[in-house]
Amino acid sequence: MRKASLLLLVMLALAASAAAQNKISSAAQCGKSDKEYSIDVGDRAGHTFAISQGKCAFTKGEVEGIQIKEGKYTGFVETSGDAARGRYTGVVTMGNGDMVYERGEFTQILKGGAVQTEEGKWTWSSGTGKFKGFTAKGTYKLKASPDGTSAVEGEGEYTQSAAKK
């Protein structure tokens, strides 16, 4: 009986935890980088370090009934041939004016020095207003266009109790 009671408690806890998880699904259009700097390392052809800054406008996505509006990011990339990896930090502005702080890491596939695709993981850690103390995590995929713009689709989850009511 003890094992059955313990199993029931664990199942109820898991069910409550699953119910507290909320999904985020988003899409955004990103313009060309506003600022971009690249330095050739010099140890081998195609090995560079770069930093860039830009903006994305969300076309889909909401959290707690509030639309995700735009994101601004600063990223650091190390490129070696047709592959790159990097990290970024950003600020996501919600439709009500509150902000969420984002960090992420990614890998890129390049062709002729231009980004073709990017895949990464992101986390939201705290923010302002309703999103103070808020946390979330997920993944995203980016497809770049020849003109330097890109389309991004992301998904993730957050714990409902983390968002202030």
C-alpha atoms as a PDB file:
ATOM      1  CA  MET A   1       0.000   0.000   0.000  1.00  0.00           C
ATOM      2  CA  ARG A   2       2.879   2.324   0.800  1.00  0.00           C
ATOM      3  CA  LYS A   3       4.381   1.915  -2.679  1.00  0.00           C
ATOM      4  CA  ALA A   4       0.991   2.492  -4.298  1.00  0.00           C
ATOM      5  CA  SER A   5       0.454   5.670  -2.242  1.00  0.00           C
ATOM      6  CA  LEU A   6       3.929   6.923  -3.084  1.00  0.00           C
ATOM      7  CA  LEU A   7       3.375   6.151  -6.769  1.00  0.00           C
ATOM      8  CA  LEU A   8       0.041   8.000  -6.698  1.00  0.00           C
ATOM      9  CA  LEU A   9       1.689  11.035  -5.053  1.00  0.00           C
ATOM     10  CA  VAL A  10       4.473  11.057  -7.655  1.00  0.00           C
ATOM     11  CA  MET A  11       1.934  10.774 -10.498  1.00  0.00           C
ATOM     12  CA  LEU A  12      -0.146  13.632  -9.050  1.00  0.00           C
ATOM     13  CA  ALA A  13       2.968  15.790  -8.657  1.00  0.00           C
ATOM     14  CA  LEU A  14       3.986  15.089 -12.257  1.00  0.00           C
ATOM     15  CA  ALA A  15       0.473  15.873 -13.487  1.00  0.00           C
ATOM     16  CA  ALA A  16       0.444  19.155 -11.545  1.00  0.00           C
ATOM     17  CA  SER A  17       3.883  20.022 -12.905  1.00  0.00           C
ATOM     18  CA  ALA A  18       2.798  19.253 -16.477  1.00  0.00           C
ATOM     19  CA  ALA A  19      -0.328  21.369 -16.033  1.00  0.00           C
ATOM     20  CA  ALA A  20       1.816  24.302 -14.883  1.00  0.00           C
ATOM     21  CA  GLN A  21       3.904  24.199 -18.074  1.00  0.00           C
ATOM     22  CA  ASN A  22       2.768  26.512 -20.852  1.00  0.00           C
ATOM     23  CA  LYS A  23       3.916  26.363 -24.418  1.00  0.00           C
ATOM     24  CA  ILE A  24       5.304  29.296 -26.372  1.00  0.00           C
ATOM     25  CA  SER A  25       5.280  29.237 -30.163  1.00  0.00           C
ATOM     26  CA  SER A  26       6.575  32.256 -32.029  1.00  0.00           C
ATOM     27  CA  ALA A  27       7.679  33.587 -35.404  1.00  0.00           C
ATOM     28  CA  ALA A  28       9.659  36.712 -36.214  1.00  0.00           C
ATOM     29  CA  GLN A  29      11.141  38.596 -39.143  1.00  0.00           C
ATOM     30  CA  CYS A  30      14.630  39.958 -38.572  1.00  0.00           C
ATOM     31  CA  GLY A  31      16.224  42.746 -40.550  1.00  0.00           C
ATOM     32  CA  LYS A  32      19.860  43.053 -41.530  1.00  0.00           C
ATOM     33  CA  SER A  33      22.173  43.657 -38.607  1.00  0.00           C
ATOM     34  CA  ASP A  34      22.237  47.308 -37.521  1.00  0.00           C
ATOM     35  CA  LYS A  35      25.901  47.011 -36.541  1.00  0.00           C
ATOM     36  CA  GLU A  36      28.372  44.324 -37.509  1.00  0.00           C
ATOM     37  CA  TYR A  37      32.108  43.977 -36.930  1.00  0.00           C
ATOM     38  CA  SER A  38      34.321  41.084 -38.020  1.00  0.00           C
ATOM     39  CA  ILE A  39      37.983  40.342 -37.333  1.00  0.00           C
ATOM     40  CA  ASP A  40      40.050  37.753 -39.184  1.00  0.00           C
ATOM     41  CA  VAL A  41      41.904  35.612 -36.635  1.00  0.00           C
ATOM     42  CA  GLY A  42      44.798  34.955 -39.041  1.00  0.00           C
ATOM     43  CA  ASP A  43      45.567  31.382 -38.047  1.00  0.00           C
ATOM     44  CA  ARG A  44      43.749  29.816 -41.029  1.00  0.00           C
ATOM     45  CA  ALA A  45      41.528  30.922 -43.890  1.00  0.00           C
ATOM     46  CA  GLY A  46      37.915  31.618 -42.950  1.00  0.00           C
ATOM     47  CA  HIS A  47      38.478  31.791 -39.174  1.00  0.00           C
ATOM     48  CA  THR A  48      36.848  34.949 -37.834  1.00  0.00           C
ATOM     49  CA  PHE A  49      35.310  36.446 -34.728  1.00  0.00           C
ATOM     50  CA  ALA A  50      32.345  38.776 -35.209  1.00  0.00           C
ATOM     51  CA  ILE A  51      29.920  40.773 -33.133  1.00  0.00           C
ATOM     52  CA  SER A  52      26.608  42.096 -34.406  1.00  0.00           C
ATOM     53  CA  GLN A  53      23.513  43.863 -33.201  1.00  0.00           C
ATOM     54  CA  GLY A  54      20.026  43.838 -34.712  1.00  0.00           C
ATOM     55  CA  LYS A  55      16.259  43.695 -34.281  1.00  0.00           C
ATOM     56  CA  CYS A  56      13.426  41.274 -34.959  1.00  0.00           C
ATOM     57  CA  ALA A  57       9.682  41.964 -35.206  1.00  0.00           C
ATOM     58  CA  PHE A  58       7.469  39.141 -33.952  1.00  0.00           C
ATOM     59  CA  THR A  59       4.592  38.132 -36.212  1.00  0.00           C
ATOM     60  CA  LYS A  60       3.329  35.373 -33.920  1.00  0.00           C
ATOM     61  CA  GLY A  61       3.536  34.549 -30.232  1.00  0.00           C
ATOM     62  CA  GLU A  62       2.115  35.447 -26.866  1.00  0.00           C
ATOM     63  CA  VAL A  63       2.736  34.739 -23.198  1.00  0.00           C
ATOM     64  CA  GLU A  64      -0.001  34.975 -20.564  1.00  0.00           C
ATOM     65  CA  GLY A  65      -2.242  36.585 -23.201  1.00  0.00           C
ATOM     66  CA  ILE A  66       0.328  39.305 -23.978  1.00  0.00           C
ATOM     67  CA  GLN A  67       1.707  39.513 -27.514  1.00  0.00           C
ATOM     68  CA  ILE A  68       5.466  39.205 -28.041  1.00  0.00           C
ATOM     69  CA  LYS A  69       6.289  42.396 -29.952  1.00  0.00           C
ATOM     70  CA  GLU A  70       9.994  42.770 -30.787  1.00  0.00           C
ATOM     71  CA  GLY A  71      13.466  41.638 -29.879  1.00  0.00           C
ATOM     72  CA  LYS A  72      16.836  43.366 -29.899  1.00  0.00           C
ATOM     73  CA  TYR A  73      19.986  41.293 -29.713  1.00  0.00           C
ATOM     74  CA  THR A  74      23.768  41.506 -29.542  1.00  0.00           C
ATOM     75  CA  GLY A  75      25.578  38.375 -30.690  1.00  0.00           C
ATOM     76  CA  PHE A  76      29.108  37.027 -30.824  1.00  0.00           C
ATOM     77  CA  VAL A  77      30.061  34.462 -33.489  1.00  0.00           C
ATOM     78  CA  GLU A  78      33.158  32.395 -34.208  1.00  0.00           C
ATOM     79  CA  THR A  79      33.252  31.258 -37.830  1.00  0.00           C
ATOM     80  CA  SER A  80      35.454  28.537 -39.271  1.00  0.00           C
ATOM     81  CA  GLY A  81      34.845  27.841 -42.951  1.00  0.00           C
ATOM     82  CA  ASP A  82      31.167  27.034 -43.575  1.00  0.00           C
ATOM     83  CA  ALA A  83      30.234  26.556 -39.919  1.00  0.00           C
ATOM     84  CA  ALA A  84      29.856  28.954 -37.020  1.00  0.00           C
ATOM     85  CA  ARG A  85      28.794  28.937 -33.419  1.00  0.00           C
ATOM     86  CA  GLY A  86      27.959  31.721 -31.071  1.00  0.00           C
ATOM     87  CA  ARG A  87      26.052  33.283 -28.213  1.00  0.00           C
ATOM     88  CA  TYR A  88      23.743  36.221 -27.903  1.00  0.00           C
ATOM     89  CA  THR A  89      22.006  38.344 -25.322  1.00  0.00           C
ATOM     90  CA  GLY A  90      18.811  40.231 -25.994  1.00  0.00           C
ATOM     91  CA  VAL A  91      15.813  42.115 -24.737  1.00  0.00           C
ATOM     92  CA  VAL A  92      12.324  41.052 -25.820  1.00  0.00           C
ATOM     93  CA  THR A  93       9.624  43.710 -25.560  1.00  0.00           C
ATOM     94  CA  MET A  94       6.076  42.534 -24.955  1.00  0.00           C
ATOM     95  CA  GLY A  95       2.923  44.199 -26.278  1.00  0.00           C
ATOM     96  CA  ASN A  96       2.224  45.807 -22.891  1.00  0.00           C
ATOM     97  CA  GLY A  97       5.714  47.381 -22.768  1.00  0.00           C
ATOM     98  CA  ASP A  98       7.188  44.902 -20.283  1.00  0.00           C
ATOM     99  CA  MET A  99      10.556  43.390 -21.182  1.00  0.00           C
ATOM    100  CA  VAL A 100      12.070  39.926 -20.831  1.00  0.00           C
ATOM    101  CA  TYR A 101      15.821  39.275 -20.841  1.00  0.00           C
ATOM    102  CA  GLU A 102      17.014  36.568 -23.224  1.00  0.00           C
ATOM    103  CA  ARG A 103      20.232  34.622 -23.695  1.00  0.00           C
ATOM    104  CA  GLY A 104      21.001  31.972 -26.243  1.00  0.00           C
ATOM    105  CA  GLU A 105      23.551  29.896 -28.058  1.00  0.00           C
ATOM    106  CA  PHE A 106      23.502  28.674 -31.639  1.00  0.00           C
ATOM    107  CA  THR A 107      25.205  27.011 -34.576  1.00  0.00           C
ATOM    108  CA  GLN A 108      25.114  28.280 -38.154  1.00  0.00           C
ATOM    109  CA  ILE A 109      25.628  26.792 -41.594  1.00  0.00           C
ATOM    110  CA  LEU A 110      27.196  29.207 -44.092  1.00  0.00           C
ATOM    111  CA  LYS A 111      27.687  29.179 -47.839  1.00  0.00           C
ATOM    112  CA  GLY A 112      30.208  31.529 -49.392  1.00  0.00           C
ATOM    113  CA  GLY A 113      30.482  33.368 -46.077  1.00  0.00           C
ATOM    114  CA  ALA A 114      26.728  34.042 -45.828  1.00  0.00           C
ATOM    115  CA  VAL A 115      24.511  32.476 -43.173  1.00  0.00           C
ATOM    116  CA  GLN A 116      22.044  29.974 -44.618  1.00  0.00           C
ATOM    117  CA  THR A 117      20.512  28.498 -41.466  1.00  0.00           C
ATOM    118  CA  GLU A 118      20.873  28.815 -37.719  1.00  0.00           C
ATOM    119  CA  GLU A 119      19.600  26.628 -34.896  1.00  0.00           C
ATOM    120  CA  GLY A 120      19.797  27.427 -31.241  1.00  0.00           C
ATOM    121  CA  LYS A 121      18.532  27.307 -27.692  1.00  0.00           C
ATOM    122  CA  TRP A 122      17.220  30.293 -25.746  1.00  0.00           C
ATOM    123  CA  THR A 123      16.351  31.107 -22.152  1.00  0.00           C
ATOM    124  CA  TRP A 124      14.397  33.984 -20.642  1.00  0.00           C
ATOM    125  CA  SER A 125      15.532  35.044 -17.205  1.00  0.00           C
ATOM    126  CA  SER A 126      13.496  37.667 -15.456  1.00  0.00           C
ATOM    127  CA  GLY A 127      12.206  40.910 -16.878  1.00  0.00           C
ATOM    128  CA  THR A 128      10.153  43.935 -15.937  1.00  0.00           C
ATOM    129  CA  GLY A 129       6.580  44.431 -14.766  1.00  0.00           C
ATOM    130  CA  LYS A 130       4.514  41.267 -15.032  1.00  0.00           C
ATOM    131  CA  PHE A 131       7.616  39.376 -16.151  1.00  0.00           C
ATOM    132  CA  LYS A 132       9.845  40.152 -13.169  1.00  0.00           C
ATOM    133  CA  GLY A 133      11.208  36.773 -12.042  1.00  0.00           C
ATOM    134  CA  PHE A 134       9.792  35.078 -15.161  1.00  0.00           C
ATOM    135  CA  THR A 135      11.708  32.160 -16.698  1.00  0.00           C
ATOM    136  CA  ALA A 136      11.307  30.207 -19.918  1.00  0.00           C
ATOM    137  CA  LYS A 137      13.404  28.097 -22.293  1.00  0.00           C
ATOM    138  CA  GLY A 138      13.183  26.701 -25.777  1.00  0.00           C
ATOM    139  CA  THR A 139      14.682  26.267 -29.219  1.00  0.00           C
ATOM    140  CA  TYR A 140      14.573  28.152 -32.503  1.00  0.00           C
ATOM    141  CA  LYS A 141      15.414  27.795 -36.186  1.00  0.00           C
ATOM    142  CA  LEU A 142      16.398  30.626 -38.493  1.00  0.00           C
ATOM    143  CA  LYS A 143      16.402  30.695 -42.277  1.00  0.00           C
ATOM    144  CA  ALA A 144      18.390  33.511 -43.857  1.00  0.00           C
ATOM    145  CA  SER A 145      17.560  35.302 -47.106  1.00  0.00           C
ATOM    146  CA  PRO A 146      20.183  36.516 -49.612  1.00  0.00           C
ATOM    147  CA  ASP A 147      19.349  40.151 -48.737  1.00  0.00           C
ATOM    148  CA  GLY A 148      20.538  39.662 -45.133  1.00  0.00           C
ATOM    149  CA  THR A 149      17.089  39.400 -43.543  1.00  0.00           C
ATOM    150  CA  SER A 150      15.860  36.235 -41.872  1.00  0.00           C
ATOM    151  CA  ALA A 151      12.768  34.381 -40.691  1.00  0.00           C
ATOM    152  CA  VAL A 152      12.815  32.762 -37.252  1.00  0.00           C
ATOM    153  CA  GLU A 153      10.484  30.213 -35.685  1.00  0.00           C
ATOM    154  CA  GLY A 154      10.746  29.271 -32.038  1.00  0.00           C
ATOM    155  CA  GLU A 155       9.086  27.152 -29.436  1.00  0.00           C
ATOM    156  CA  GLY A 156       9.478  26.608 -25.750  1.00  0.00           C
ATOM    157  CA  GLU A 157       7.757  26.526 -22.414  1.00  0.00           C
ATOM    158  CA  TYR A 158       7.439  28.495 -19.224  1.00  0.00           C
ATOM    159  CA  THR A 159       5.986  27.781 -15.817  1.00  0.00           C
ATOM    160  CA  GLN A 160       2.720  29.653 -15.342  1.00  0.00           C
ATOM    161  CA  SER A 161       3.441  30.408 -11.701  1.00  0.00           C
ATOM    162  CA  ALA A 162       6.601  32.254 -12.798  1.00  0.00           C
ATOM    163  CA  ALA A 163       4.596  35.018 -14.510  1.00  0.00           C
ATOM    164  CA  LYS A 164       3.071  37.536 -12.120  1.00  0.00           C
ATOM    165  CA  LYS A 165      -0.683  37.846 -12.287  1.00  0.00           C
END
